[in-house]
C-alpha atoms as a PDB file:
ATOM      1  CA  SER A   1      -0.010  -0.021  -0.009  1.00  0.00           C
ATOM      2  CA  PHE A   2       1.045   3.643  -0.367  1.00  0.00           C
ATOM      3  CA  GLY A   3       3.572   4.579   2.294  1.00  0.00           C
ATOM      4  CA  LYS A   4       4.702   1.014   2.935  1.00  0.00           C
ATOM      5  CA  VAL A   5       7.848  -0.084   1.110  1.00  0.00           C
ATOM      6  CA  ASP A   6       9.354  -3.538   1.053  1.00  0.00           C
ATOM      7  CA  LYS A   7      12.971  -3.394   2.294  1.00  0.00           C
ATOM      8  CA  ALA A   8      13.909  -5.879  -0.423  1.00  0.00           C
ATOM      9  CA  ASP A   9      12.975  -3.236  -3.028  1.00  0.00           C
ATOM     10  CA  LEU A  10      15.380  -0.771  -1.389  1.00  0.00           C
ATOM     11  CA  GLU A  11      18.150  -3.395  -1.424  1.00  0.00           C
ATOM     12  CA  MET A  12      17.509  -4.407  -5.045  1.00  0.00           C
ATOM     13  CA  LYS A  13      20.478  -3.709  -7.327  1.00  0.00           C
ATOM     14  CA  ASP A  14      19.065  -4.534 -10.798  1.00  0.00           C
ATOM     15  CA  CYS A  15      15.919  -5.553 -12.682  1.00  0.00           C
ATOM     16  CA  ASP A  16      15.811  -9.345 -13.139  1.00  0.00           C
ATOM     17  CA  PHE A  17      13.731  -9.210 -16.348  1.00  0.00           C
ATOM     18  CA  ASP A  18      15.507  -6.230 -17.959  1.00  0.00           C
ATOM     19  CA  PRO A  19      19.129  -6.231 -16.680  1.00  0.00           C
ATOM     20  CA  GLY A  20      21.030  -2.981 -16.799  1.00  0.00           C
ATOM     21  CA  ALA A  21      17.984  -0.697 -16.666  1.00  0.00           C
ATOM     22  CA  GLU A  22      18.541   2.718 -15.096  1.00  0.00           C
ATOM     23  CA  ALA A  23      15.298   2.434 -13.073  1.00  0.00           C
ATOM     24  CA  LEU A  24      12.320   0.136 -12.527  1.00  0.00           C
ATOM     25  CA  GLN A  25       8.703   1.126 -12.287  1.00  0.00           C
ATOM     26  CA  LEU A  26       7.513  -1.119  -9.469  1.00  0.00           C
ATOM     27  CA  ILE A  27       3.870  -0.060  -9.478  1.00  0.00           C
ATOM     28  CA  ASP A  28       1.745   1.820 -12.041  1.00  0.00           C
ATOM     29  CA  VAL A  29      -1.918   1.678 -11.049  1.00  0.00           C
ATOM     30  CA  GLY A  30      -4.891   3.734 -12.167  1.00  0.00           C
ATOM     31  CA  ASP A  31      -8.666   3.680 -12.068  1.00  0.00           C
ATOM     32  CA  ILE A  32     -11.506   5.721 -13.524  1.00  0.00           C
ATOM     33  CA  ILE A  33     -15.107   6.019 -12.374  1.00  0.00           C
ATOM     34  CA  PHE A  34     -18.026   7.974 -13.908  1.00  0.00           C
ATOM     35  CA  SER A  35     -20.680   9.872 -11.977  1.00  0.00           C
ATOM     36  CA  TYR A  36     -23.592  12.116 -12.810  1.00  0.00           C
ATOM     37  CA  VAL A  37     -23.703  15.519 -11.144  1.00  0.00           C
ATOM     38  CA  GLN A  38     -26.901  17.576 -11.092  1.00  0.00           C
ATOM     39  CA  ASN A  39     -26.664  20.719 -13.300  1.00  0.00           C
ATOM     40  CA  VAL A  40     -23.198  19.598 -14.478  1.00  0.00           C
ATOM     41  CA  GLY A  41     -23.719  16.304 -16.216  1.00  0.00           C
ATOM     42  CA  TRP A  42     -21.499  13.257 -16.550  1.00  0.00           C
ATOM     43  CA  GLN A  43     -17.908  13.509 -15.368  1.00  0.00           C
ATOM     44  CA  SER A  44     -15.126  11.127 -14.485  1.00  0.00           C
ATOM     45  CA  GLU A  45     -12.623  10.900 -11.658  1.00  0.00           C
ATOM     46  CA  SER A  46      -9.315   9.151 -12.165  1.00  0.00           C
ATOM     47  CA  SER A  47      -6.809   8.070  -9.539  1.00  0.00           C
ATOM     48  CA  TYR A  48      -3.163   7.417 -10.371  1.00  0.00           C
ATOM     49  CA  ARG A  49      -0.356   5.905  -8.320  1.00  0.00           C
ATOM     50  CA  VAL A  50       3.294   5.348  -9.366  1.00  0.00           C
ATOM     51  CA  ARG A  51       6.289   3.805  -7.522  1.00  0.00           C
ATOM     52  CA  ILE A  52       9.779   3.775  -9.018  1.00  0.00           C
ATOM     53  CA  LYS A  53      13.123   2.299  -7.958  1.00  0.00           C
ATOM     54  CA  ILE A  54      16.327   4.155  -9.005  1.00  0.00           C
ATOM     55  CA  PHE A  55      19.341   2.057 -10.060  1.00  0.00           C
ATOM     56  CA  LYS A  56      21.513   4.642 -11.766  1.00  0.00           C
ATOM     57  CA  ALA A  57      22.179   8.392 -11.477  1.00  0.00           C
ATOM     58  CA  SER A  58      20.949   8.855 -15.049  1.00  0.00           C
ATOM     59  CA  ALA A  59      17.436   8.109 -13.843  1.00  0.00           C
ATOM     60  CA  PHE A  60      17.263  10.979 -11.332  1.00  0.00           C
ATOM     61  CA  LYS A  61      15.172  12.880 -13.887  1.00  0.00           C
ATOM     62  CA  LYS A  62      12.375  10.320 -13.289  1.00  0.00           C
ATOM     63  CA  ALA A  63      11.763  11.992  -9.946  1.00  0.00           C
ATOM     64  CA  GLN A  64      10.959  15.315 -11.657  1.00  0.00           C
ATOM     65  CA  ILE A  65       7.254  14.954 -12.317  1.00  0.00           C
ATOM     66  CA  LYS A  66       5.264  17.063 -14.804  1.00  0.00           C
ATOM     67  CA  ILE A  67       1.539  16.464 -15.275  1.00  0.00           C
ATOM     68  CA  ARG A  68      -0.140  18.441 -18.034  1.00  0.00           C
ATOM     69  CA  TYR A  69      -3.917  18.880 -18.008  1.00  0.00           C
ATOM     70  CA  TYR A  70      -6.668  20.752 -19.876  1.00  0.00           C
ATOM     71  CA  SER A  71      -7.439  23.710 -17.622  1.00  0.00           C
ATOM     72  CA  GLN A  72      -9.573  25.883 -19.939  1.00  0.00           C
ATOM     73  CA  ASP A  73     -13.069  26.316 -18.483  1.00  0.00           C
ATOM     74  CA  ASN A  74     -11.862  24.064 -15.595  1.00  0.00           C
ATOM     75  CA  ARG A  75     -12.364  21.080 -17.911  1.00  0.00           C
ATOM     76  CA  GLN A  76      -9.815  19.076 -15.902  1.00  0.00           C
ATOM     77  CA  GLU A  77      -8.565  19.475 -12.343  1.00  0.00           C
ATOM     78  CA  ILE A  78      -5.745  17.778 -10.469  1.00  0.00           C
ATOM     79  CA  TYR A  79      -5.805  17.426  -6.705  1.00  0.00           C
ATOM     80  CA  LYS A  80      -4.866  15.239  -3.729  1.00  0.00           C
ATOM     81  CA  ILE A  81      -1.225  15.081  -4.739  1.00  0.00           C
ATOM     82  CA  ASN A  82       0.917  13.046  -2.338  1.00  0.00           C
ATOM     83  CA  GLY A  83       4.462  11.731  -2.588  1.00  0.00           C
ATOM     84  CA  ALA A  84       7.448  10.409  -0.684  1.00  0.00           C
ATOM     85  CA  SER A  85      10.934   8.995  -1.123  1.00  0.00           C
ATOM     86  CA  TYR A  86      12.433   6.079   0.785  1.00  0.00           C
ATOM     87  CA  ASN A  87      16.125   5.292   1.490  1.00  0.00           C
ATOM     88  CA  LEU A  88      18.025   3.006   3.832  1.00  0.00           C
ATOM     89  CA  ASP A  89      19.932   4.847   6.536  1.00  0.00           C
ATOM     90  CA  GLU A  90      23.271   3.776   7.986  1.00  0.00           C
ATOM     91  CA  ALA A  91      21.571   1.372  10.371  1.00  0.00           C
ATOM     92  CA  GLY A  92      19.645  -0.287   7.552  1.00  0.00           C
ATOM     93  CA  ASN A  93      16.302   1.189   8.505  1.00  0.00           C
ATOM     94  CA  VAL A  94      13.845   2.767   6.048  1.00  0.00           C
ATOM     95  CA  ALA A  95      14.005   6.576   6.099  1.00  0.00           C
ATOM     96  CA  GLU A  96      11.052   8.433   4.600  1.00  0.00           C
ATOM     97  CA  SER A  97      11.154  11.922   3.046  1.00  0.00           C
ATOM     98  CA  LYS A  98       7.735  13.381   2.274  1.00  0.00           C
ATOM     99  CA  LEU A  99       6.818  15.703  -0.576  1.00  0.00           C
ATOM    100  CA  GLU A 100       5.923  19.085   0.878  1.00  0.00           C
ATOM    101  CA  ASN A 101       2.942  21.059  -0.440  1.00  0.00           C
ATOM    102  CA  GLN A 102       5.113  24.128  -1.085  1.00  0.00           C
ATOM    103  CA  ALA A 103       7.215  22.020  -3.500  1.00  0.00           C
ATOM    104  CA  ILE A 104       4.201  21.505  -5.784  1.00  0.00           C
ATOM    105  CA  PHE A 105       3.772  24.080  -8.570  1.00  0.00           C
ATOM    106  CA  ASP A 106       0.878  24.756 -10.911  1.00  0.00           C
ATOM    107  CA  LYS A 107       1.507  26.952 -13.924  1.00  0.00           C
ATOM    108  CA  GLN A 108      -0.450  27.860 -17.049  1.00  0.00           C
ATOM    109  CA  ILE A 109       1.188  26.733 -20.320  1.00  0.00           C
ATOM    110  CA  ASP A 110      -1.189  28.393 -22.788  1.00  0.00           C
ATOM    111  CA  LYS A 111      -4.869  29.323 -22.999  1.00  0.00           C
ATOM    112  CA  GLU A 112      -5.895  25.655 -22.925  1.00  0.00           C
ATOM    113  CA  TYR A 113      -3.315  23.771 -20.825  1.00  0.00           C
ATOM    114  CA  SER A 114      -1.711  24.003 -17.423  1.00  0.00           C
ATOM    115  CA  GLU A 115       0.968  21.887 -15.792  1.00  0.00           C
ATOM    116  CA  ILE A 116       1.507  20.532 -12.275  1.00  0.00           C
ATOM    117  CA  SER A 117       5.208  19.954 -11.461  1.00  0.00           C
ATOM    118  CA  PHE A 118       7.136  18.688  -8.448  1.00  0.00           C
ATOM    119  CA  ALA A 119      10.350  16.890  -7.637  1.00  0.00           C
ATOM    120  CA  LEU A 120      10.508  14.046  -5.092  1.00  0.00           C
ATOM    121  CA  PRO A 121      13.048  14.779  -2.327  1.00  0.00           C
ATOM    122  CA  GLU A 122      16.252  12.965  -1.330  1.00  0.00           C
ATOM    123  CA  VAL A 123      16.505  10.906  -4.553  1.00  0.00           C
ATOM    124  CA  LYS A 124      19.790   9.008  -4.975  1.00  0.00           C
ATOM    125  CA  VAL A 125      20.953   5.661  -6.335  1.00  0.00           C
ATOM    126  CA  GLY A 126      18.947   3.030  -4.474  1.00  0.00           C
ATOM    127  CA  THR A 127      15.990   5.275  -3.681  1.00  0.00           C
ATOM    128  CA  VAL A 128      12.385   4.132  -4.045  1.00  0.00           C
ATOM    129  CA  PHE A 129       9.946   7.013  -4.539  1.00  0.00           C
ATOM    130  CA  GLU A 130       6.208   7.131  -5.139  1.00  0.00           C
ATOM    131  CA  TYR A 131       3.450   9.619  -5.785  1.00  0.00           C
ATOM    132  CA  LYS A 132      -0.260   9.649  -6.347  1.00  0.00           C
ATOM    133  CA  TYR A 133      -2.933  12.122  -7.460  1.00  0.00           C
ATOM    134  CA  LYS A 134      -6.517  12.433  -8.694  1.00  0.00           C
ATOM    135  CA  MET A 135      -7.849  14.022 -11.851  1.00  0.00           C
ATOM    136  CA  LEU A 136     -11.377  15.228 -12.464  1.00  0.00           C
ATOM    137  CA  HIS A 137     -12.517  15.307 -16.078  1.00  0.00           C
ATOM    138  CA  LYS A 138     -15.718  17.285 -16.650  1.00  0.00           C
ATOM    139  CA  SER A 139     -16.875  15.429 -19.750  1.00  0.00           C
ATOM    140  CA  PHE A 140     -18.693  12.198 -20.485  1.00  0.00           C
ATOM    141  CA  GLY A 141     -17.601   9.303 -22.631  1.00  0.00           C
ATOM    142  CA  TYR A 142     -13.842   9.734 -22.423  1.00  0.00           C
ATOM    143  CA  ILE A 143     -11.428   7.077 -21.121  1.00  0.00           C
ATOM    144  CA  PRO A 144      -7.757   7.908 -21.633  1.00  0.00           C
ATOM    145  CA  THR A 145      -5.491   5.285 -23.128  1.00  0.00           C
ATOM    146  CA  TRP A 146      -3.665   3.246 -20.488  1.00  0.00           C
ATOM    147  CA  THR A 147      -0.020   2.627 -21.387  1.00  0.00           C
ATOM    148  CA  PHE A 148       1.423  -0.452 -19.634  1.00  0.00           C
ATOM    149  CA  GLN A 149       4.915  -0.161 -21.114  1.00  0.00           C
ATOM    150  CA  GLN A 150       7.323   2.726 -20.524  1.00  0.00           C
ATOM    151  CA  SER A 151      10.915   3.648 -21.435  1.00  0.00           C
ATOM    152  CA  ILE A 152      12.004   1.860 -18.234  1.00  0.00           C
ATOM    153  CA  PRO A 153      10.840  -1.676 -17.283  1.00  0.00           C
ATOM    154  CA  VAL A 154       7.557  -1.985 -15.453  1.00  0.00           C
ATOM    155  CA  LYS A 155       6.962  -4.710 -12.891  1.00  0.00           C
ATOM    156  CA  TYR A 156       3.216  -4.276 -12.332  1.00  0.00           C
ATOM    157  CA  SER A 157       0.732  -2.108 -14.286  1.00  0.00           C
ATOM    158  CA  ALA A 158      -3.017  -2.221 -13.742  1.00  0.00           C
ATOM    159  CA  TYR A 159      -6.040  -0.118 -14.789  1.00  0.00           C
ATOM    160  CA  ASN A 160      -9.508  -0.408 -13.316  1.00  0.00           C
ATOM    161  CA  ILE A 161     -12.577   0.923 -15.164  1.00  0.00           C
ATOM    162  CA  ILE A 162     -16.050   1.337 -13.727  1.00  0.00           C
ATOM    163  CA  ILE A 163     -18.428   2.164 -16.609  1.00  0.00           C
ATOM    164  CA  PRO A 164     -22.110   3.081 -16.113  1.00  0.00           C
ATOM    165  CA  GLU A 165     -24.502   0.705 -17.846  1.00  0.00           C
ATOM    166  CA  TYR A 166     -25.585   3.508 -20.178  1.00  0.00           C
ATOM    167  CA  PHE A 167     -22.194   3.593 -21.995  1.00  0.00           C
ATOM    168  CA  GLN A 168     -20.661   1.075 -24.318  1.00  0.00           C
ATOM    169  CA  PHE A 169     -16.973   1.204 -25.261  1.00  0.00           C
ATOM    170  CA  THR A 170     -14.889  -0.626 -27.816  1.00  0.00           C
ATOM    171  CA  VAL A 171     -11.645  -1.861 -26.234  1.00  0.00           C
ATOM    172  CA  GLN A 172      -8.523  -2.371 -28.305  1.00  0.00           C
ATOM    173  CA  ALA A 173      -5.321  -3.799 -26.835  1.00  0.00           C
ATOM    174  CA  VAL A 174      -1.895  -3.350 -28.396  1.00  0.00           C
ATOM    175  CA  ARG A 175       0.309  -5.972 -26.752  1.00  0.00           C
ATOM    176  CA  ARG A 176       3.004  -8.570 -27.229  1.00  0.00           C
ATOM    177  CA  GLN A 177       2.726 -10.077 -23.768  1.00  0.00           C
ATOM    178  CA  GLU A 178      -0.125 -11.552 -21.778  1.00  0.00           C
ATOM    179  CA  MET A 179      -2.713  -9.107 -20.558  1.00  0.00           C
ATOM    180  CA  GLN A 180      -4.919 -10.265 -17.730  1.00  0.00           C
ATOM    181  CA  LYS A 181      -8.548  -9.064 -17.693  1.00  0.00           C
ATOM    182  CA  ILE A 182     -10.540  -9.408 -14.505  1.00  0.00           C
ATOM    183  CA  GLU A 183     -14.225  -8.469 -14.297  1.00  0.00           C
ATOM    184  CA  GLU A 184     -15.417  -7.889 -10.750  1.00  0.00           C
ATOM    185  CA  GLU A 185     -18.707  -9.490  -9.823  1.00  0.00           C
ATOM    186  CA  SER A 186     -20.043  -6.515  -7.846  1.00  0.00           C
ATOM    187  CA  ILE A 187     -21.700  -3.707  -9.825  1.00  0.00           C
ATOM    188  CA  ASN A 188     -19.159  -1.170  -8.513  1.00  0.00           C
ATOM    189  CA  GLY A 189     -16.179  -3.495  -9.007  1.00  0.00           C
ATOM    190  CA  GLY A 190     -15.348  -2.599 -12.567  1.00  0.00           C
ATOM    191  CA  THR A 191     -12.931  -4.312 -14.976  1.00  0.00           C
ATOM    192  CA  TRP A 192      -9.204  -4.693 -14.385  1.00  0.00           C
ATOM    193  CA  TYR A 193      -6.583  -4.770 -17.129  1.00  0.00           C
ATOM    194  CA  ILE A 194      -3.214  -6.002 -15.824  1.00  0.00           C
ATOM    195  CA  MET A 195       0.236  -6.682 -17.231  1.00  0.00           C
ATOM    196  CA  ARG A 196       3.445  -7.691 -15.515  1.00  0.00           C
ATOM    197  CA  ASN A 197       7.209  -7.659 -16.119  1.00  0.00           C
ATOM    198  CA  LEU A 198       7.302  -5.449 -19.208  1.00  0.00           C
ATOM    199  CA  PRO A 199      10.849  -4.555 -20.413  1.00  0.00           C
ATOM    200  CA  GLY A 200      11.544  -0.953 -21.138  1.00  0.00           C
ATOM    201  CA  LEU A 201      11.061   0.232 -24.726  1.00  0.00           C
ATOM    202  CA  LYS A 202      14.285   1.924 -25.685  1.00  0.00           C
ATOM    203  CA  LYS A 203      14.755   4.393 -28.532  1.00  0.00           C
ATOM    204  CA  GLU A 204      16.482   2.940 -31.549  1.00  0.00           C
ATOM    205  CA  PRO A 205      18.557   4.864 -34.137  1.00  0.00           C
ATOM    206  CA  TYR A 206      16.695   5.986 -37.259  1.00  0.00           C
ATOM    207  CA  SER A 207      13.349   4.905 -35.773  1.00  0.00           C
ATOM    208  CA  SER A 208      10.250   7.092 -35.304  1.00  0.00           C
ATOM    209  CA  GLY A 209       6.851   6.749 -33.715  1.00  0.00           C
ATOM    210  CA  THR A 210       8.180   4.942 -30.598  1.00  0.00           C
ATOM    211  CA  LYS A 211       4.929   5.567 -28.754  1.00  0.00           C
ATOM    212  CA  GLU A 212       3.054   3.455 -31.296  1.00  0.00           C
ATOM    213  CA  TYR A 213       4.992   0.364 -30.169  1.00  0.00           C
ATOM    214  CA  LEU A 214       4.179   0.765 -26.472  1.00  0.00           C
ATOM    215  CA  GLN A 215       1.915  -1.955 -25.109  1.00  0.00           C
ATOM    216  CA  ARG A 216      -1.363  -0.330 -24.176  1.00  0.00           C
ATOM    217  CA  VAL A 217      -5.146  -0.585 -24.071  1.00  0.00           C
ATOM    218  CA  GLU A 218      -7.388   1.996 -25.821  1.00  0.00           C
ATOM    219  CA  PHE A 219     -11.069   2.837 -25.365  1.00  0.00           C
ATOM    220  CA  GLN A 220     -13.572   4.357 -27.789  1.00  0.00           C
ATOM    221  CA  LEU A 221     -17.136   5.334 -26.867  1.00  0.00           C
ATOM    222  CA  THR A 222     -19.487   3.701 -29.396  1.00  0.00           C
ATOM    223  CA  LYS A 223     -22.977   3.808 -27.879  1.00  0.00           C
ATOM    224  CA  ILE A 224     -25.095   5.660 -25.307  1.00  0.00           C
ATOM    225  CA  SER A 225     -28.246   3.875 -24.277  1.00  0.00           C
ATOM    226  CA  ALA A 226     -30.010   5.722 -21.420  1.00  0.00           C
ATOM    227  CA  PRO A 227     -33.680   6.234 -20.510  1.00  0.00           C
ATOM    228  CA  ASN A 228     -35.287   8.319 -23.255  1.00  0.00           C
ATOM    229  CA  TYR A 229     -31.963   8.653 -25.044  1.00  0.00           C
ATOM    230  CA  TYR A 230     -30.047   6.539 -27.578  1.00  0.00           C
ATOM    231  CA  GLU A 231     -27.044   7.433 -29.725  1.00  0.00           C
ATOM    232  CA  GLU A 232     -24.460   5.519 -31.697  1.00  0.00           C
ATOM    233  CA  ILE A 233     -21.076   7.250 -31.745  1.00  0.00           C
ATOM    234  CA  ARG A 234     -18.324   6.557 -34.317  1.00  0.00           C
ATOM    235  CA  SER A 235     -19.756   3.111 -34.953  1.00  0.00           C
ATOM    236  CA  THR A 236     -19.041   3.211 -38.718  1.00  0.00           C
ATOM    237  CA  TRP A 237     -16.404   4.798 -40.973  1.00  0.00           C
ATOM    238  CA  PRO A 238     -18.937   7.146 -42.685  1.00  0.00           C
ATOM    239  CA  LYS A 239     -19.931   8.530 -39.284  1.00  0.00           C
ATOM    240  CA  ILE A 240     -16.275   9.109 -38.374  1.00  0.00           C
ATOM    241  CA  ILE A 241     -15.646  10.871 -41.737  1.00  0.00           C
ATOM    242  CA  ASN A 242     -18.686  13.119 -41.315  1.00  0.00           C
ATOM    243  CA  GLU A 243     -17.619  14.002 -37.771  1.00  0.00           C
ATOM    244  CA  MET A 244     -14.157  14.988 -38.986  1.00  0.00           C
ATOM    245  CA  LEU A 245     -15.528  17.034 -41.892  1.00  0.00           C
ATOM    246  CA  GLU A 246     -17.833  18.957 -39.587  1.00  0.00           C
ATOM    247  CA  ASP A 247     -15.058  19.665 -37.083  1.00  0.00           C
ATOM    248  CA  GLU A 248     -13.753  23.193 -37.780  1.00  0.00           C
ATOM    249  CA  GLU A 249     -10.412  22.511 -36.063  1.00  0.00           C
ATOM    250  CA  PHE A 250      -9.682  19.189 -37.786  1.00  0.00           C
ATOM    251  CA  GLY A 251      -6.478  19.379 -39.843  1.00  0.00           C
ATOM    252  CA  ILE A 252      -5.326  22.693 -38.390  1.00  0.00           C
END
């Protein structure tokens, strides 16, 4: 759980499934849940949690976090940011250094986007650090792509989705390893997508579009079926083409 670190992770010297890596993403977990707010409409709340182990000094930059979000008209909000770093002291005990609120900065990038930034404290070779936050998205029908694979190896990556019965999504997985799918029995349990032990995807000379090779799962809203309302969305190529043609900003 957050705030509890296995001493073995602090003593770890290398990644067993991707030797020589500069860092290892131990945990990458997210979830998204939709809710209906009176006079506002449908919106979603996402929770994210990341834990990383540092093997080499070249990975110190991983502790400098930047989270960009769509701030125009308060479309997205980020809150409940929490973080900490863990090291072994001279006696071999776990020493915790917490992220202070005054070390968290929020700046506007342009008229549409803003960025939250912070750096985890006391990061050195051997450190394990973690952070978590929540994001509110004031819009219905949008589930961001979940990327299991990163530039550094990932030990455990999981995404949980709780979708109201009114919405239907098409799910597309881009993967080269096993992806576990678990559907909870309870109505509020959601669906889990889980992958383990993913090697880091390194940049190769003369190659482009690296992001397209990352193992991930994508979601596309295709149908809304609610009381007194029914709509099919992007269910056929002609509908997608018409939507693009009617979009004044498409192609700009």
